[in-house]
Amino acid sequence: MTGKQQALEILADGVPHSHRELYSRLRANPNVISKLRKDGHFIHTWRAGGEWWYQLRYSPPSRPKPAPLANGTVPEVAPDQMSLEDVL
């Protein structure tokens, strides 16, 4: 499991988590929050009681990985976004 996956698993409950709690449970680089934000996740952050707090407010819908085509290649776009030229 990657650091981003670990962080999402912790934050998925939707409740606030302190910086101390989050990073004590992660085996990842502390910049994992910024990486999640770059992936489209909205993580509300604030400071209270001398601690930084993080709360997941939104995660983009996951897109299934496209299955390989008959020629064995994996398309760059999802099947519902493909044109006939992508398949031939």
PDB file of N, CA and C in Angstrom:
ATOM      1  N   MET A   1       0.852  -1.178   0.000  1.00  0.00           N
ATOM      2  CA  MET A   1       0.000   0.000   0.000  1.00  0.00           C
ATOM      3  C   MET A   1       0.899   1.242   0.000  1.00  0.00           C
ATOM      4  N   THR A   2       0.597   2.171  -0.888  1.00  0.00           N
ATOM      5  CA  THR A   2       1.401   3.387  -0.973  1.00  0.00           C
ATOM      6  C   THR A   2       1.022   4.356   0.148  1.00  0.00           C
ATOM      7  N   GLY A   3       1.852   5.373   0.321  1.00  0.00           N
ATOM      8  CA  GLY A   3       1.578   6.392   1.326  1.00  0.00           C
ATOM      9  C   GLY A   3       0.269   7.119   1.062  1.00  0.00           C
ATOM     10  N   LYS A   4      -0.025   7.384  -0.219  1.00  0.00           N
ATOM     11  CA  LYS A   4      -1.278   8.057  -0.553  1.00  0.00           C
ATOM     12  C   LYS A   4      -2.471   7.163  -0.211  1.00  0.00           C
ATOM     13  N   GLN A   5      -2.359   5.880  -0.505  1.00  0.00           N
ATOM     14  CA  GLN A   5      -3.444   4.954  -0.181  1.00  0.00           C
ATOM     15  C   GLN A   5      -3.648   4.867   1.333  1.00  0.00           C
ATOM     16  N   GLN A   6      -2.549   4.831   2.084  1.00  0.00           N
ATOM     17  CA  GLN A   6      -2.640   4.788   3.539  1.00  0.00           C
ATOM     18  C   GLN A   6      -3.341   6.035   4.068  1.00  0.00           C
ATOM     19  N   ALA A   7      -2.938   7.187   3.562  1.00  0.00           N
ATOM     20  CA  ALA A   7      -3.537   8.443   4.021  1.00  0.00           C
ATOM     21  C   ALA A   7      -5.025   8.490   3.692  1.00  0.00           C
ATOM     22  N   LEU A   8      -5.391   8.063   2.478  1.00  0.00           N
ATOM     23  CA  LEU A   8      -6.807   8.054   2.109  1.00  0.00           C
ATOM     24  C   LEU A   8      -7.607   7.105   2.990  1.00  0.00           C
ATOM     25  N   GLU A   9      -7.020   5.975   3.321  1.00  0.00           N
ATOM     26  CA  GLU A   9      -7.703   5.021   4.190  1.00  0.00           C
ATOM     27  C   GLU A   9      -7.979   5.641   5.562  1.00  0.00           C
ATOM     28  N   ILE A  10      -7.009   6.383   6.076  1.00  0.00           N
ATOM     29  CA  ILE A  10      -7.182   7.037   7.378  1.00  0.00           C
ATOM     30  C   ILE A  10      -8.222   8.154   7.290  1.00  0.00           C
ATOM     31  N   LEU A  11      -8.128   8.967   6.243  1.00  0.00           N
ATOM     32  CA  LEU A  11      -9.002  10.136   6.113  1.00  0.00           C
ATOM     33  C   LEU A  11     -10.401   9.800   5.616  1.00  0.00           C
ATOM     34  N   ALA A  12     -10.613   8.598   5.103  1.00  0.00           N
ATOM     35  CA  ALA A  12     -11.888   8.231   4.479  1.00  0.00           C
ATOM     36  C   ALA A  12     -13.073   8.282   5.429  1.00  0.00           C
ATOM     37  N   ASP A  13     -12.827   8.243   6.717  1.00  0.00           N
ATOM     38  CA  ASP A  13     -13.944   8.285   7.673  1.00  0.00           C
ATOM     39  C   ASP A  13     -14.592   9.661   7.759  1.00  0.00           C
ATOM     40  N   GLY A  14     -13.951  10.686   7.177  1.00  0.00           N
ATOM     41  CA  GLY A  14     -14.534  12.021   7.125  1.00  0.00           C
ATOM     42  C   GLY A  14     -14.420  12.832   8.396  1.00  0.00           C
ATOM     43  N   VAL A  15     -13.794  12.292   9.428  1.00  0.00           N
ATOM     44  CA  VAL A  15     -13.618  13.053  10.665  1.00  0.00           C
ATOM     45  C   VAL A  15     -12.229  13.690  10.678  1.00  0.00           C
ATOM     46  N   PRO A  16     -12.031  14.754  11.452  1.00  0.00           N
ATOM     47  CA  PRO A  16     -10.713  15.394  11.516  1.00  0.00           C
ATOM     48  C   PRO A  16      -9.658  14.474  12.141  1.00  0.00           C
ATOM     49  N   HIS A  17      -8.452  14.561  11.602  1.00  0.00           N
ATOM     50  CA  HIS A  17      -7.303  13.824  12.142  1.00  0.00           C
ATOM     51  C   HIS A  17      -6.164  14.815  12.354  1.00  0.00           C
ATOM     52  N   SER A  18      -5.509  14.726  13.505  1.00  0.00           N
ATOM     53  CA  SER A  18      -4.409  15.648  13.790  1.00  0.00           C
ATOM     54  C   SER A  18      -3.175  15.247  12.996  1.00  0.00           C
ATOM     55  N   HIS A  19      -2.304  16.223  12.805  1.00  0.00           N
ATOM     56  CA  HIS A  19      -1.031  15.997  12.127  1.00  0.00           C
ATOM     57  C   HIS A  19      -0.265  14.878  12.829  1.00  0.00           C
ATOM     58  N   ARG A  20      -0.242  14.931  14.133  1.00  0.00           N
ATOM     59  CA  ARG A  20       0.484  13.928  14.929  1.00  0.00           C
ATOM     60  C   ARG A  20      -0.081  12.526  14.693  1.00  0.00           C
ATOM     61  N   GLU A  21      -1.398  12.400  14.733  1.00  0.00           N
ATOM     62  CA  GLU A  21      -2.023  11.094  14.519  1.00  0.00           C
ATOM     63  C   GLU A  21      -1.784  10.592  13.102  1.00  0.00           C
ATOM     64  N   LEU A  22      -1.998  11.475  12.146  1.00  0.00           N
ATOM     65  CA  LEU A  22      -1.871  11.086  10.740  1.00  0.00           C
ATOM     66  C   LEU A  22      -0.477  10.564  10.432  1.00  0.00           C
ATOM     67  N   TYR A  23       0.539  11.312  10.813  1.00  0.00           N
ATOM     68  CA  TYR A  23       1.893  10.922  10.451  1.00  0.00           C
ATOM     69  C   TYR A  23       2.466   9.827  11.339  1.00  0.00           C
ATOM     70  N   SER A  24       1.887   9.630  12.523  1.00  0.00           N
ATOM     71  CA  SER A  24       2.341   8.489  13.329  1.00  0.00           C
ATOM     72  C   SER A  24       1.818   7.184  12.743  1.00  0.00           C
ATOM     73  N   ARG A  25       0.688   7.252  12.027  1.00  0.00           N
ATOM     74  CA  ARG A  25       0.114   6.054  11.417  1.00  0.00           C
ATOM     75  C   ARG A  25       0.613   5.811  10.000  1.00  0.00           C
ATOM     76  N   LEU A  26       1.221   6.816   9.394  1.00  0.00           N
ATOM     77  CA  LEU A  26       1.691   6.687   8.005  1.00  0.00           C
ATOM     78  C   LEU A  26       3.145   6.252   7.955  1.00  0.00           C
ATOM     79  N   ARG A  27       3.436   5.450   6.987  1.00  0.00           N
ATOM     80  CA  ARG A  27       4.840   5.137   6.688  1.00  0.00           C
ATOM     81  C   ARG A  27       5.198   5.853   5.394  1.00  0.00           C
ATOM     82  N   ALA A  28       4.881   7.128   5.348  1.00  0.00           N
ATOM     83  CA  ALA A  28       5.046   7.884   4.116  1.00  0.00           C
ATOM     84  C   ALA A  28       5.673   9.239   4.388  1.00  0.00           C
ATOM     85  N   ASN A  29       6.068   9.866   3.313  1.00  0.00           N
ATOM     86  CA  ASN A  29       6.616  11.208   3.352  1.00  0.00           C
ATOM     87  C   ASN A  29       5.519  12.180   3.791  1.00  0.00           C
ATOM     88  N   PRO A  30       5.840  13.132   4.651  1.00  0.00           N
ATOM     89  CA  PRO A  30       4.819  14.076   5.128  1.00  0.00           C
ATOM     90  C   PRO A  30       4.138  14.895   4.034  1.00  0.00           C
ATOM     91  N   ASN A  31       4.679  14.956   2.825  1.00  0.00           N
ATOM     92  CA  ASN A  31       4.017  15.749   1.783  1.00  0.00           C
ATOM     93  C   ASN A  31       2.917  14.958   1.074  1.00  0.00           C
ATOM     94  N   VAL A  32       2.492  13.842   1.670  1.00  0.00           N
ATOM     95  CA  VAL A  32       1.446  13.025   1.063  1.00  0.00           C
ATOM     96  C   VAL A  32       0.142  13.809   0.910  1.00  0.00           C
ATOM     97  N   ILE A  33      -0.142  14.735   1.808  1.00  0.00           N
ATOM     98  CA  ILE A  33      -1.359  15.545   1.717  1.00  0.00           C
ATOM     99  C   ILE A  33      -1.330  16.390   0.447  1.00  0.00           C
ATOM    100  N   SER A  34      -0.199  17.002   0.137  1.00  0.00           N
ATOM    101  CA  SER A  34      -0.129  17.811  -1.092  1.00  0.00           C
ATOM    102  C   SER A  34      -0.255  16.925  -2.331  1.00  0.00           C
ATOM    103  N   LYS A  35       0.258  15.702  -2.266  1.00  0.00           N
ATOM    104  CA  LYS A  35       0.114  14.781  -3.401  1.00  0.00           C
ATOM    105  C   LYS A  35      -1.355  14.407  -3.606  1.00  0.00           C
ATOM    106  N   LEU A  36      -2.067  14.194  -2.507  1.00  0.00           N
ATOM    107  CA  LEU A  36      -3.491  13.883  -2.620  1.00  0.00           C
ATOM    108  C   LEU A  36      -4.257  15.069  -3.209  1.00  0.00           C
ATOM    109  N   ARG A  37      -3.886  16.263  -2.811  1.00  0.00           N
ATOM    110  CA  ARG A  37      -4.543  17.452  -3.357  1.00  0.00           C
ATOM    111  C   ARG A  37      -4.299  17.568  -4.859  1.00  0.00           C
ATOM    112  N   LYS A  38      -3.090  17.262  -5.297  1.00  0.00           N
ATOM    113  CA  LYS A  38      -2.786  17.303  -6.736  1.00  0.00           C
ATOM    114  C   LYS A  38      -3.606  16.275  -7.502  1.00  0.00           C
ATOM    115  N   ASP A  39      -3.993  15.189  -6.832  1.00  0.00           N
ATOM    116  CA  ASP A  39      -4.830  14.155  -7.455  1.00  0.00           C
ATOM    117  C   ASP A  39      -6.312  14.506  -7.434  1.00  0.00           C
ATOM    118  N   GLY A  40      -6.662  15.680  -6.894  1.00  0.00           N
ATOM    119  CA  GLY A  40      -8.040  16.137  -6.921  1.00  0.00           C
ATOM    120  C   GLY A  40      -8.813  15.966  -5.632  1.00  0.00           C
ATOM    121  N   HIS A  41      -8.176  15.498  -4.581  1.00  0.00           N
ATOM    122  CA  HIS A  41      -8.853  15.344  -3.293  1.00  0.00           C
ATOM    123  C   HIS A  41      -8.875  16.701  -2.583  1.00  0.00           C
ATOM    124  N   PHE A  42     -10.016  17.022  -1.969  1.00  0.00           N
ATOM    125  CA  PHE A  42     -10.101  18.257  -1.196  1.00  0.00           C
ATOM    126  C   PHE A  42      -9.942  17.902   0.265  1.00  0.00           C
ATOM    127  N   ILE A  43      -8.862  18.358   0.865  1.00  0.00           N
ATOM    128  CA  ILE A  43      -8.574  18.094   2.270  1.00  0.00           C
ATOM    129  C   ILE A  43      -8.535  19.428   2.997  1.00  0.00           C
ATOM    130  N   HIS A  44      -9.508  19.617   3.858  1.00  0.00           N
ATOM    131  CA  HIS A  44      -9.602  20.845   4.655  1.00  0.00           C
ATOM    132  C   HIS A  44      -8.524  20.793   5.744  1.00  0.00           C
ATOM    133  N   THR A  45      -7.776  21.864   5.891  1.00  0.00           N
ATOM    134  CA  THR A  45      -6.688  21.919   6.870  1.00  0.00           C
ATOM    135  C   THR A  45      -6.840  23.168   7.713  1.00  0.00           C
ATOM    136  N   TRP A  46      -6.646  23.020   9.004  1.00  0.00           N
ATOM    137  CA  TRP A  46      -6.701  24.179   9.906  1.00  0.00           C
ATOM    138  C   TRP A  46      -5.843  23.904  11.131  1.00  0.00           C
ATOM    139  N   ARG A  47      -5.565  24.965  11.858  1.00  0.00           N
ATOM    140  CA  ARG A  47      -4.752  24.864  13.067  1.00  0.00           C
ATOM    141  C   ARG A  47      -5.623  25.214  14.267  1.00  0.00           C
ATOM    142  N   ALA A  48      -5.611  24.330  15.270  1.00  0.00           N
ATOM    143  CA  ALA A  48      -6.372  24.564  16.499  1.00  0.00           C
ATOM    144  C   ALA A  48      -5.673  23.854  17.642  1.00  0.00           C
ATOM    145  N   GLY A  49      -5.575  24.528  18.777  1.00  0.00           N
ATOM    146  CA  GLY A  49      -4.969  23.923  19.955  1.00  0.00           C
ATOM    147  C   GLY A  49      -3.516  23.519  19.751  1.00  0.00           C
ATOM    148  N   GLY A  50      -2.804  24.275  18.929  1.00  0.00           N
ATOM    149  CA  GLY A  50      -1.395  23.972  18.691  1.00  0.00           C
ATOM    150  C   GLY A  50      -1.160  22.802  17.749  1.00  0.00           C
ATOM    151  N   GLU A  51      -2.211  22.270  17.142  1.00  0.00           N
ATOM    152  CA  GLU A  51      -2.094  21.129  16.222  1.00  0.00           C
ATOM    153  C   GLU A  51      -2.651  21.506  14.855  1.00  0.00           C
ATOM    154  N   TRP A  52      -2.110  20.889  13.821  1.00  0.00           N
ATOM    155  CA  TRP A  52      -2.692  20.970  12.489  1.00  0.00           C
ATOM    156  C   TRP A  52      -3.677  19.835  12.348  1.00  0.00           C
ATOM    157  N   TRP A  53      -4.833  20.110  11.743  1.00  0.00           N
ATOM    158  CA  TRP A  53      -5.889  19.130  11.553  1.00  0.00           C
ATOM    159  C   TRP A  53      -6.209  18.983  10.082  1.00  0.00           C
ATOM    160  N   TYR A  54      -6.537  17.764   9.681  1.00  0.00           N
ATOM    161  CA  TYR A  54      -6.849  17.438   8.286  1.00  0.00           C
ATOM    162  C   TYR A  54      -8.167  16.679   8.245  1.00  0.00           C
ATOM    163  N   GLN A  55      -9.018  17.058   7.279  1.00  0.00           N
ATOM    164  CA  GLN A  55     -10.287  16.370   7.110  1.00  0.00           C
ATOM    165  C   GLN A  55     -10.585  16.246   5.622  1.00  0.00           C
ATOM    166  N   LEU A  56     -10.813  15.027   5.169  1.00  0.00           N
ATOM    167  CA  LEU A  56     -11.149  14.791   3.768  1.00  0.00           C
ATOM    168  C   LEU A  56     -12.576  15.236   3.530  1.00  0.00           C
ATOM    169  N   ARG A  57     -12.744  16.155   2.580  1.00  0.00           N
ATOM    170  CA  ARG A  57     -14.077  16.670   2.276  1.00  0.00           C
ATOM    171  C   ARG A  57     -14.601  16.142   0.942  1.00  0.00           C
ATOM    172  N   TYR A  58     -13.673  15.799   0.012  1.00  0.00           N
ATOM    173  CA  TYR A  58     -14.100  15.336  -1.311  1.00  0.00           C
ATOM    174  C   TYR A  58     -12.995  14.491  -1.925  1.00  0.00           C
ATOM    175  N   SER A  59     -13.391  13.401  -2.557  1.00  0.00           N
ATOM    176  CA  SER A  59     -12.478  12.592  -3.361  1.00  0.00           C
ATOM    177  C   SER A  59     -13.095  12.448  -4.741  1.00  0.00           C
ATOM    178  N   PRO A  60     -12.302  12.627  -5.786  1.00  0.00           N
ATOM    179  CA  PRO A  60     -12.861  12.472  -7.131  1.00  0.00           C
ATOM    180  C   PRO A  60     -13.284  11.021  -7.357  1.00  0.00           C
ATOM    181  N   PRO A  61     -14.289  10.817  -8.186  1.00  0.00           N
ATOM    182  CA  PRO A  61     -14.706   9.444  -8.464  1.00  0.00           C
ATOM    183  C   PRO A  61     -13.554   8.671  -9.097  1.00  0.00           C
ATOM    184  N   SER A  62     -13.407   7.441  -8.689  1.00  0.00           N
ATOM    185  CA  SER A  62     -12.332   6.635  -9.273  1.00  0.00           C
ATOM    186  C   SER A  62     -12.776   6.150 -10.642  1.00  0.00           C
ATOM    187  N   ARG A  63     -11.816   6.094 -11.542  1.00  0.00           N
ATOM    188  CA  ARG A  63     -12.088   5.628 -12.894  1.00  0.00           C
ATOM    189  C   ARG A  63     -11.465   4.246 -13.049  1.00  0.00           C
ATOM    190  N   PRO A  64     -12.242   3.290 -13.524  1.00  0.00           N
ATOM    191  CA  PRO A  64     -11.666   1.960 -13.710  1.00  0.00           C
ATOM    192  C   PRO A  64     -10.594   1.985 -14.788  1.00  0.00           C
ATOM    193  N   LYS A  65      -9.593   1.145 -14.612  1.00  0.00           N
ATOM    194  CA  LYS A  65      -8.550   1.057 -15.623  1.00  0.00           C
ATOM    195  C   LYS A  65      -9.103   0.330 -16.839  1.00  0.00           C
ATOM    196  N   PRO A  66      -8.819   0.845 -18.022  1.00  0.00           N
ATOM    197  CA  PRO A  66      -9.315   0.184 -19.231  1.00  0.00           C
ATOM    198  C   PRO A  66      -8.693  -1.206 -19.396  1.00  0.00           C
ATOM    199  N   ALA A  67      -9.481  -2.118 -19.903  1.00  0.00           N
ATOM    200  CA  ALA A  67      -8.984  -3.470 -20.176  1.00  0.00           C
ATOM    201  C   ALA A  67      -8.148  -3.443 -21.453  1.00  0.00           C
ATOM    202  N   PRO A  68      -7.214  -4.369 -21.572  1.00  0.00           N
ATOM    203  CA  PRO A  68      -6.411  -4.424 -22.803  1.00  0.00           C
ATOM    204  C   PRO A  68      -7.292  -4.679 -24.024  1.00  0.00           C
ATOM    205  N   LEU A  69      -6.882  -4.104 -25.137  1.00  0.00           N
ATOM    206  CA  LEU A  69      -7.580  -4.318 -26.400  1.00  0.00           C
ATOM    207  C   LEU A  69      -7.165  -5.672 -26.973  1.00  0.00           C
ATOM    208  N   ALA A  70      -7.806  -6.059 -28.068  1.00  0.00           N
ATOM    209  CA  ALA A  70      -7.515  -7.347 -28.695  1.00  0.00           C
ATOM    210  C   ALA A  70      -6.043  -7.467 -29.091  1.00  0.00           C
ATOM    211  N   ASN A  71      -5.408  -6.339 -29.425  1.00  0.00           N
ATOM    212  CA  ASN A  71      -3.997  -6.381 -29.838  1.00  0.00           C
ATOM    213  C   ASN A  71      -3.047  -6.371 -28.637  1.00  0.00           C
ATOM    214  N   GLY A  72      -3.606  -6.386 -27.417  1.00  0.00           N
ATOM    215  CA  GLY A  72      -2.779  -6.455 -26.209  1.00  0.00           C
ATOM    216  C   GLY A  72      -2.391  -5.116 -25.625  1.00  0.00           C
ATOM    217  N   THR A  73      -2.661  -4.025 -26.304  1.00  0.00           N
ATOM    218  CA  THR A  73      -2.313  -2.708 -25.768  1.00  0.00           C
ATOM    219  C   THR A  73      -3.409  -2.222 -24.830  1.00  0.00           C
ATOM    220  N   VAL A  74      -3.043  -1.369 -23.901  1.00  0.00           N
ATOM    221  CA  VAL A  74      -4.013  -0.779 -22.973  1.00  0.00           C
ATOM    222  C   VAL A  74      -4.264   0.654 -23.427  1.00  0.00           C
ATOM    223  N   PRO A  75      -5.517   0.993 -23.695  1.00  0.00           N
ATOM    224  CA  PRO A  75      -5.806   2.353 -24.175  1.00  0.00           C
ATOM    225  C   PRO A  75      -5.551   3.398 -23.100  1.00  0.00           C
ATOM    226  N   GLU A  76      -5.280   4.610 -23.541  1.00  0.00           N
ATOM    227  CA  GLU A  76      -5.029   5.725 -22.627  1.00  0.00           C
ATOM    228  C   GLU A  76      -6.317   6.315 -22.084  1.00  0.00           C
ATOM    229  N   VAL A  77      -7.432   6.058 -22.754  1.00  0.00           N
ATOM    230  CA  VAL A  77      -8.724   6.611 -22.325  1.00  0.00           C
ATOM    231  C   VAL A  77      -9.655   5.482 -21.933  1.00  0.00           C
ATOM    232  N   ALA A  78     -10.655   5.810 -21.150  1.00  0.00           N
ATOM    233  CA  ALA A  78     -11.646   4.818 -20.748  1.00  0.00           C
ATOM    234  C   ALA A  78     -12.456   4.374 -21.965  1.00  0.00           C
ATOM    235  N   PRO A  79     -12.954   3.121 -21.979  1.00  0.00           N
ATOM    236  CA  PRO A  79     -13.686   2.616 -23.141  1.00  0.00           C
ATOM    237  C   PRO A  79     -14.872   3.475 -23.548  1.00  0.00           C
ATOM    238  N   ASP A  80     -15.569   4.080 -22.597  1.00  0.00           N
ATOM    239  CA  ASP A  80     -16.728   4.904 -22.955  1.00  0.00           C
ATOM    240  C   ASP A  80     -16.335   6.233 -23.596  1.00  0.00           C
ATOM    241  N   GLN A  81     -15.029   6.539 -23.604  1.00  0.00           N
ATOM    242  CA  GLN A  81     -14.547   7.777 -24.228  1.00  0.00           C
ATOM    243  C   GLN A  81     -13.779   7.503 -25.514  1.00  0.00           C
ATOM    244  N   MET A  82     -13.766   6.254 -25.949  1.00  0.00           N
ATOM    245  CA  MET A  82     -12.991   5.862 -27.121  1.00  0.00           C
ATOM    246  C   MET A  82     -13.763   6.116 -28.396  1.00  0.00           C
ATOM    247  N   SER A  83     -13.024   6.371 -29.468  1.00  0.00           N
ATOM    248  CA  SER A  83     -13.616   6.471 -30.780  1.00  0.00           C
ATOM    249  C   SER A  83     -13.261   5.194 -31.544  1.00  0.00           C
ATOM    250  N   LEU A  84     -13.859   5.017 -32.699  1.00  0.00           N
ATOM    251  CA  LEU A  84     -13.578   3.831 -33.506  1.00  0.00           C
ATOM    252  C   LEU A  84     -12.105   3.785 -33.891  1.00  0.00           C
ATOM    253  N   GLU A  85     -11.489   4.943 -34.116  1.00  0.00           N
ATOM    254  CA  GLU A  85     -10.077   4.993 -34.499  1.00  0.00           C
ATOM    255  C   GLU A  85      -9.166   4.464 -33.373  1.00  0.00           C
ATOM    256  N   ASP A  86      -9.584   4.636 -32.118  1.00  0.00           N
ATOM    257  CA  ASP A  86      -8.797   4.141 -30.997  1.00  0.00           C
ATOM    258  C   ASP A  86      -8.739   2.626 -30.965  1.00  0.00           C
ATOM    259  N   VAL A  87      -9.777   1.996 -31.457  1.00  0.00           N
ATOM    260  CA  VAL A  87      -9.876   0.544 -31.394  1.00  0.00           C
ATOM    261  C   VAL A  87      -9.219  -0.120 -32.586  1.00  0.00           C
ATOM    262  N   LEU A  88      -9.301   0.503 -33.745  1.00  0.00           N
ATOM    263  CA  LEU A  88      -8.750  -0.106 -34.977  1.00  0.00           C
ATOM    264  C   LEU A  88      -7.274   0.089 -35.121  1.00  0.00           C
TER     265      LEU A  88
END
